[in-house]
């Protein structure tokens, strides 16, 4: 099954890429690695204060879908994704919140749902006192690609 067919099966529609809010780009490819800039949801607030773990997992899943859209824009064809290599998930959390990995599972689970074993990755999930624009979750990733 192709990745495009898998997206349809999962009822995932890829969004348009938004313009980055600064002097940077959404992705950079060097050699066989594609670096995806940090992305987040449109929501604002802290996990463990305004949002539950389950709500934050959905935000992380939305970021994964944004990243798949960036991969498609960068590569033209999602079949060129060889592996999701490394993910850094950041959670804008209240001071007593400790479930950062559970939140970022929303991202990781989505990547495995879409890419299968190629979606398994190394990962860090950390808490932050704040994130840009008060977003609850931000994720960046490194992707291995099949050469042209």
C-alpha atoms as a PDB file:
ATOM      1  CA  UNK A   1       0.000   0.000   0.000  1.00  0.00           C
ATOM      2  CA  UNK A   2       1.317   3.462  -0.862  1.00  0.00           C
ATOM      3  CA  UNK A   3       1.590   6.204   1.715  1.00  0.00           C
ATOM      4  CA  UNK A   4      -1.037   8.222  -0.176  1.00  0.00           C
ATOM      5  CA  UNK A   5      -3.424   5.248   0.001  1.00  0.00           C
ATOM      6  CA  UNK A   6      -2.666   4.868   3.694  1.00  0.00           C
ATOM      7  CA  UNK A   7      -3.498   8.540   4.281  1.00  0.00           C
ATOM      8  CA  UNK A   8      -6.859   8.025   2.551  1.00  0.00           C
ATOM      9  CA  UNK A   9      -7.515   4.896   4.598  1.00  0.00           C
ATOM     10  CA  UNK A  10      -6.824   6.903   7.784  1.00  0.00           C
ATOM     11  CA  UNK A  11      -9.021   9.794   6.540  1.00  0.00           C
ATOM     12  CA  UNK A  12      -6.067  12.187   6.766  1.00  0.00           C
ATOM     13  CA  UNK A  13      -6.106  15.215   4.495  1.00  0.00           C
ATOM     14  CA  UNK A  14      -2.791  17.048   4.357  1.00  0.00           C
ATOM     15  CA  UNK A  15      -3.002  20.783   5.068  1.00  0.00           C
ATOM     16  CA  UNK A  16      -1.354  23.541   3.062  1.00  0.00           C
ATOM     17  CA  UNK A  17       1.975  24.650   4.466  1.00  0.00           C
ATOM     18  CA  UNK A  18       1.844  27.919   6.348  1.00  0.00           C
ATOM     19  CA  UNK A  19       4.506  30.593   6.036  1.00  0.00           C
ATOM     20  CA  UNK A  20       7.000  30.388   8.909  1.00  0.00           C
ATOM     21  CA  UNK A  21       6.678  33.289  11.376  1.00  0.00           C
ATOM     22  CA  UNK A  22      10.303  34.378  11.056  1.00  0.00           C
ATOM     23  CA  UNK A  23      13.441  34.272   8.982  1.00  0.00           C
ATOM     24  CA  UNK A  24      13.554  30.496   8.464  1.00  0.00           C
ATOM     25  CA  UNK A  25      12.066  27.789   6.248  1.00  0.00           C
ATOM     26  CA  UNK A  26       9.797  24.835   7.047  1.00  0.00           C
ATOM     27  CA  UNK A  27      12.362  22.260   5.939  1.00  0.00           C
ATOM     28  CA  UNK A  28      15.946  21.841   4.751  1.00  0.00           C
ATOM     29  CA  UNK A  29      17.369  18.818   2.986  1.00  0.00           C
ATOM     30  CA  UNK A  30      21.064  18.069   3.120  1.00  0.00           C
ATOM     31  CA  UNK A  31      22.239  14.793   1.642  1.00  0.00           C
ATOM     32  CA  UNK A  32      19.776  12.057   2.588  1.00  0.00           C
ATOM     33  CA  UNK A  33      18.423  13.926   5.627  1.00  0.00           C
ATOM     34  CA  UNK A  34      15.393  16.186   5.713  1.00  0.00           C
ATOM     35  CA  UNK A  35      15.181  18.496   8.727  1.00  0.00           C
ATOM     36  CA  UNK A  36      11.678  19.666   9.621  1.00  0.00           C
ATOM     37  CA  UNK A  37      11.345  22.923  11.527  1.00  0.00           C
ATOM     38  CA  UNK A  38       9.381  23.009  14.741  1.00  0.00           C
ATOM     39  CA  UNK A  39       5.644  23.193  14.178  1.00  0.00           C
ATOM     40  CA  UNK A  40       2.689  23.529  16.487  1.00  0.00           C
ATOM     41  CA  UNK A  41      -1.098  23.730  16.562  1.00  0.00           C
ATOM     42  CA  UNK A  42      -3.191  26.900  16.367  1.00  0.00           C
ATOM     43  CA  UNK A  43      -4.234  26.460  20.024  1.00  0.00           C
ATOM     44  CA  UNK A  44      -2.767  28.442  22.923  1.00  0.00           C
ATOM     45  CA  UNK A  45      -2.295  27.322  26.511  1.00  0.00           C
ATOM     46  CA  UNK A  46      -0.508  24.975  28.870  1.00  0.00           C
ATOM     47  CA  UNK A  47      -0.917  21.226  29.070  1.00  0.00           C
ATOM     48  CA  UNK A  48      -2.004  20.196  32.540  1.00  0.00           C
ATOM     49  CA  UNK A  49      -3.622  23.602  33.030  1.00  0.00           C
ATOM     50  CA  UNK A  50      -5.863  24.477  30.059  1.00  0.00           C
ATOM     51  CA  UNK A  51      -5.529  21.138  28.263  1.00  0.00           C
ATOM     52  CA  UNK A  52      -5.658  17.476  29.244  1.00  0.00           C
ATOM     53  CA  UNK A  53      -3.130  14.887  28.109  1.00  0.00           C
ATOM     54  CA  UNK A  54      -5.677  13.566  25.587  1.00  0.00           C
ATOM     55  CA  UNK A  55      -6.285  17.013  24.101  1.00  0.00           C
ATOM     56  CA  UNK A  56      -2.546  17.621  23.868  1.00  0.00           C
ATOM     57  CA  UNK A  57      -2.063  14.241  22.152  1.00  0.00           C
ATOM     58  CA  UNK A  58      -4.476  15.442  19.448  1.00  0.00           C
ATOM     59  CA  UNK A  59      -2.428  18.630  19.062  1.00  0.00           C
ATOM     60  CA  UNK A  60       0.720  16.503  18.664  1.00  0.00           C
ATOM     61  CA  UNK A  61      -1.076  14.340  16.086  1.00  0.00           C
ATOM     62  CA  UNK A  62      -2.020  17.496  14.171  1.00  0.00           C
ATOM     63  CA  UNK A  63       1.648  18.510  14.151  1.00  0.00           C
ATOM     64  CA  UNK A  64       2.569  15.094  12.728  1.00  0.00           C
ATOM     65  CA  UNK A  65       0.114  15.680   9.885  1.00  0.00           C
ATOM     66  CA  UNK A  66       1.629  19.135   9.293  1.00  0.00           C
ATOM     67  CA  UNK A  67       5.052  17.477   9.123  1.00  0.00           C
ATOM     68  CA  UNK A  68       3.818  14.898   6.595  1.00  0.00           C
ATOM     69  CA  UNK A  69       2.579  17.813   4.476  1.00  0.00           C
ATOM     70  CA  UNK A  70       6.057  19.386   4.751  1.00  0.00           C
ATOM     71  CA  UNK A  71       7.649  16.070   3.719  1.00  0.00           C
ATOM     72  CA  UNK A  72       5.402  15.905   0.662  1.00  0.00           C
ATOM     73  CA  UNK A  73       6.237  19.496  -0.247  1.00  0.00           C
ATOM     74  CA  UNK A  74       9.965  18.874   0.167  1.00  0.00           C
ATOM     75  CA  UNK A  75      10.139  15.494  -1.566  1.00  0.00           C
ATOM     76  CA  UNK A  76       7.234  15.555  -4.007  1.00  0.00           C
ATOM     77  CA  UNK A  77       6.506  11.910  -3.211  1.00  0.00           C
ATOM     78  CA  UNK A  78       6.029  10.433   0.251  1.00  0.00           C
ATOM     79  CA  UNK A  79       7.417   7.106  -0.984  1.00  0.00           C
ATOM     80  CA  UNK A  80      10.827   8.793  -0.725  1.00  0.00           C
ATOM     81  CA  UNK A  81      10.579   8.719   3.078  1.00  0.00           C
ATOM     82  CA  UNK A  82      13.034   6.021   4.158  1.00  0.00           C
ATOM     83  CA  UNK A  83      12.676   6.520   7.918  1.00  0.00           C
ATOM     84  CA  UNK A  84      11.550   8.941  10.587  1.00  0.00           C
ATOM     85  CA  UNK A  85      14.894   9.164  12.390  1.00  0.00           C
ATOM     86  CA  UNK A  86      14.621  11.563  15.340  1.00  0.00           C
ATOM     87  CA  UNK A  87      11.845  13.576  16.939  1.00  0.00           C
ATOM     88  CA  UNK A  88      12.081  16.329  19.545  1.00  0.00           C
ATOM     89  CA  UNK A  89       8.733  17.031  21.188  1.00  0.00           C
ATOM     90  CA  UNK A  90       8.298  20.029  23.454  1.00  0.00           C
ATOM     91  CA  UNK A  91       5.315  20.457  25.753  1.00  0.00           C
ATOM     92  CA  UNK A  92       4.268  23.826  27.185  1.00  0.00           C
ATOM     93  CA  UNK A  93       3.356  22.409  30.574  1.00  0.00           C
ATOM     94  CA  UNK A  94       2.228  23.502  33.985  1.00  0.00           C
ATOM     95  CA  UNK A  95       4.882  23.265  36.728  1.00  0.00           C
ATOM     96  CA  UNK A  96       3.638  19.945  38.144  1.00  0.00           C
ATOM     97  CA  UNK A  97       3.003  18.220  34.802  1.00  0.00           C
ATOM     98  CA  UNK A  98       5.013  15.008  34.260  1.00  0.00           C
ATOM     99  CA  UNK A  99       3.381  13.240  31.298  1.00  0.00           C
ATOM    100  CA  UNK A 100       5.365  14.826  28.468  1.00  0.00           C
ATOM    101  CA  UNK A 101       6.066  11.467  26.748  1.00  0.00           C
ATOM    102  CA  UNK A 102       2.339  10.624  26.749  1.00  0.00           C
ATOM    103  CA  UNK A 103       1.601  13.899  24.964  1.00  0.00           C
ATOM    104  CA  UNK A 104       4.222  13.352  22.262  1.00  0.00           C
ATOM    105  CA  UNK A 105       2.878   9.820  21.735  1.00  0.00           C
ATOM    106  CA  UNK A 106       0.180  11.566  19.692  1.00  0.00           C
ATOM    107  CA  UNK A 107       2.893  12.503  17.168  1.00  0.00           C
ATOM    108  CA  UNK A 108       4.756   9.195  17.322  1.00  0.00           C
ATOM    109  CA  UNK A 109       1.629   7.063  17.016  1.00  0.00           C
ATOM    110  CA  UNK A 110       0.517   9.041  13.967  1.00  0.00           C
ATOM    111  CA  UNK A 111       3.886   8.549  12.241  1.00  0.00           C
ATOM    112  CA  UNK A 112       3.727   4.788  12.846  1.00  0.00           C
ATOM    113  CA  UNK A 113       0.094   4.688  11.658  1.00  0.00           C
ATOM    114  CA  UNK A 114       1.108   6.377   8.402  1.00  0.00           C
ATOM    115  CA  UNK A 115       4.574   4.944   7.710  1.00  0.00           C
ATOM    116  CA  UNK A 116       4.499   1.620   9.571  1.00  0.00           C
ATOM    117  CA  UNK A 117       7.918   0.478  10.808  1.00  0.00           C
ATOM    118  CA  UNK A 118       9.555   3.360   8.885  1.00  0.00           C
ATOM    119  CA  UNK A 119       7.699   5.655  11.283  1.00  0.00           C
ATOM    120  CA  UNK A 120       9.452   4.273  14.393  1.00  0.00           C
ATOM    121  CA  UNK A 121      11.998   6.802  15.622  1.00  0.00           C
ATOM    122  CA  UNK A 122      14.291   7.903  18.404  1.00  0.00           C
ATOM    123  CA  UNK A 123      12.659  10.634  20.471  1.00  0.00           C
ATOM    124  CA  UNK A 124      12.953  13.157  23.252  1.00  0.00           C
ATOM    125  CA  UNK A 125       9.870  14.595  24.947  1.00  0.00           C
ATOM    126  CA  UNK A 126      10.535  17.529  27.234  1.00  0.00           C
ATOM    127  CA  UNK A 127       8.597  20.113  29.187  1.00  0.00           C
ATOM    128  CA  UNK A 128       8.998  23.828  28.675  1.00  0.00           C
ATOM    129  CA  UNK A 129       7.958  26.817  30.770  1.00  0.00           C
ATOM    130  CA  UNK A 130       6.690  28.420  27.552  1.00  0.00           C
ATOM    131  CA  UNK A 131       6.663  27.961  23.784  1.00  0.00           C
ATOM    132  CA  UNK A 132       6.347  30.535  20.975  1.00  0.00           C
ATOM    133  CA  UNK A 133       2.900  32.142  20.731  1.00  0.00           C
ATOM    134  CA  UNK A 134       1.883  30.123  23.844  1.00  0.00           C
ATOM    135  CA  UNK A 135       1.282  26.975  21.754  1.00  0.00           C
ATOM    136  CA  UNK A 136       0.822  23.841  23.886  1.00  0.00           C
ATOM    137  CA  UNK A 137       3.042  21.535  21.781  1.00  0.00           C
ATOM    138  CA  UNK A 138       5.917  21.963  19.329  1.00  0.00           C
ATOM    139  CA  UNK A 139       7.704  19.175  17.457  1.00  0.00           C
ATOM    140  CA  UNK A 140      10.715  19.092  15.139  1.00  0.00           C
ATOM    141  CA  UNK A 141      11.997  16.038  13.266  1.00  0.00           C
ATOM    142  CA  UNK A 142      14.770  14.555  11.163  1.00  0.00           C
ATOM    143  CA  UNK A 143      13.762  12.301   8.258  1.00  0.00           C
ATOM    144  CA  UNK A 144      15.950   9.982   6.174  1.00  0.00           C
ATOM    145  CA  UNK A 145      15.037  10.121   2.493  1.00  0.00           C
ATOM    146  CA  UNK A 146      15.626   7.889  -0.483  1.00  0.00           C
ATOM    147  CA  UNK A 147      17.944   9.718  -2.925  1.00  0.00           C
ATOM    148  CA  UNK A 148      16.496  11.025  -6.211  1.00  0.00           C
END
